[in-house]
Amino acid sequence: MPATMRHDRDRTPPPGALMYWDTSQRAGHVGLCLGDGKIASNDIRRKGYIDIIHATDIETVWGAQYLSWAPPYFPQVG
């Protein structure tokens, strides 16, 4: 993803943006912004399920560090 598309540490993503966290694991975590501080995210409340949660739950529940948001990016799509 081009650096110009990343919004590092910005906590005001628009609905549809992808939000990124460093979880100290190999893959980190990505959530889909729904607006009003909410995201769709997997495994945070129920293992194997997607729930609507507050974006900061990733940090408070998992101890992850928020990195940035970006619009969806599909460089290989025609």
Protein backbone atom coordinates (compact mmCIF):
# COMPACT_ATOMS: atom_id res chain seq x y z
CA MET A 1 0.00 0.00 0.00
CA PRO A 2 1.37 3.44 -0.85
CA ALA A 3 2.37 5.43 2.24
CA THR A 4 0.15 8.30 1.08
CA MET A 5 -2.92 6.12 1.68
CA ARG A 6 -2.07 5.38 5.34
CA HIS A 7 -3.36 7.63 8.10
CA ASP A 8 -0.94 6.81 10.89
CA ARG A 9 -2.34 7.18 14.43
CA ASP A 10 -5.43 9.02 13.07
CA ARG A 11 -8.47 7.89 15.07
CA THR A 12 -11.10 9.40 12.78
CA PRO A 13 -11.49 6.87 9.96
CA PRO A 14 -14.54 7.03 7.70
CA PRO A 15 -16.96 4.10 7.48
CA GLY A 16 -15.51 1.42 5.22
CA ALA A 17 -11.90 2.14 6.17
CA LEU A 18 -9.63 -0.66 7.34
CA MET A 19 -8.08 -0.11 10.78
CA TYR A 20 -4.77 -1.75 11.74
CA TRP A 21 -3.29 -2.84 15.08
CA ASP A 22 0.01 -4.36 16.13
CA THR A 23 -0.80 -7.33 18.39
CA SER A 24 2.82 -8.51 18.79
CA GLN A 25 1.78 -11.54 16.73
CA ARG A 26 2.91 -12.38 13.21
CA ALA A 27 -0.19 -11.01 11.46
CA GLY A 28 -1.48 -8.18 13.68
CA HIS A 29 -5.19 -7.32 13.44
CA VAL A 30 -7.47 -5.55 10.96
CA GLY A 31 -11.00 -4.29 11.63
CA LEU A 32 -13.60 -2.73 9.34
CA CYS A 33 -14.72 0.74 10.46
CA LEU A 34 -18.50 1.13 10.71
CA GLY A 35 -18.50 4.73 11.98
CA ASP A 36 -19.17 6.26 15.40
CA GLY A 37 -16.13 4.49 16.88
CA LYS A 38 -17.46 1.02 16.02
CA ILE A 39 -15.79 -1.71 13.98
CA ALA A 40 -16.61 -5.19 12.74
CA SER A 41 -13.95 -7.50 14.11
CA ASN A 42 -13.44 -11.20 14.65
CA ASP A 43 -12.50 -13.16 17.77
CA ILE A 44 -12.56 -10.27 20.25
CA ARG A 45 -15.80 -11.28 22.00
CA ARG A 46 -16.38 -14.77 20.61
CA LYS A 47 -13.72 -16.98 19.05
CA GLY A 48 -14.57 -17.68 15.41
CA TYR A 49 -17.27 -14.98 15.14
CA ILE A 50 -17.46 -11.40 13.90
CA ASP A 51 -18.98 -8.88 16.31
CA ILE A 52 -19.59 -5.14 16.27
CA ILE A 53 -17.43 -3.61 18.97
CA HIS A 54 -15.85 -0.30 19.94
CA ALA A 55 -12.54 0.17 18.12
CA THR A 56 -10.63 0.66 21.38
CA ASP A 57 -11.67 -2.83 22.56
CA ILE A 58 -8.79 -4.22 20.48
CA GLU A 59 -6.41 -2.30 22.73
CA THR A 60 -8.14 -2.81 26.07
CA VAL A 61 -8.92 -6.53 25.61
CA TRP A 62 -5.83 -7.66 23.68
CA GLY A 63 -3.31 -4.98 24.65
CA ALA A 64 -2.73 -4.21 20.97
CA GLN A 65 -1.24 -0.93 19.71
CA TYR A 66 -3.29 1.07 17.20
CA LEU A 67 -1.30 1.84 14.05
CA SER A 68 -3.42 3.48 11.36
CA TRP A 69 -6.36 3.33 9.01
CA ALA A 70 -6.49 3.22 5.24
CA PRO A 71 -9.12 2.96 2.55
CA PRO A 72 -9.49 -0.50 1.03
CA TYR A 73 -6.66 -1.08 -1.46
CA PHE A 74 -6.74 -3.67 -4.24
CA PRO A 75 -3.74 -3.03 -6.51
CA GLN A 76 -4.21 -6.17 -8.64
CA VAL A 77 -7.87 -5.54 -9.55
CA GLY A 78 -8.40 -4.50 -13.17
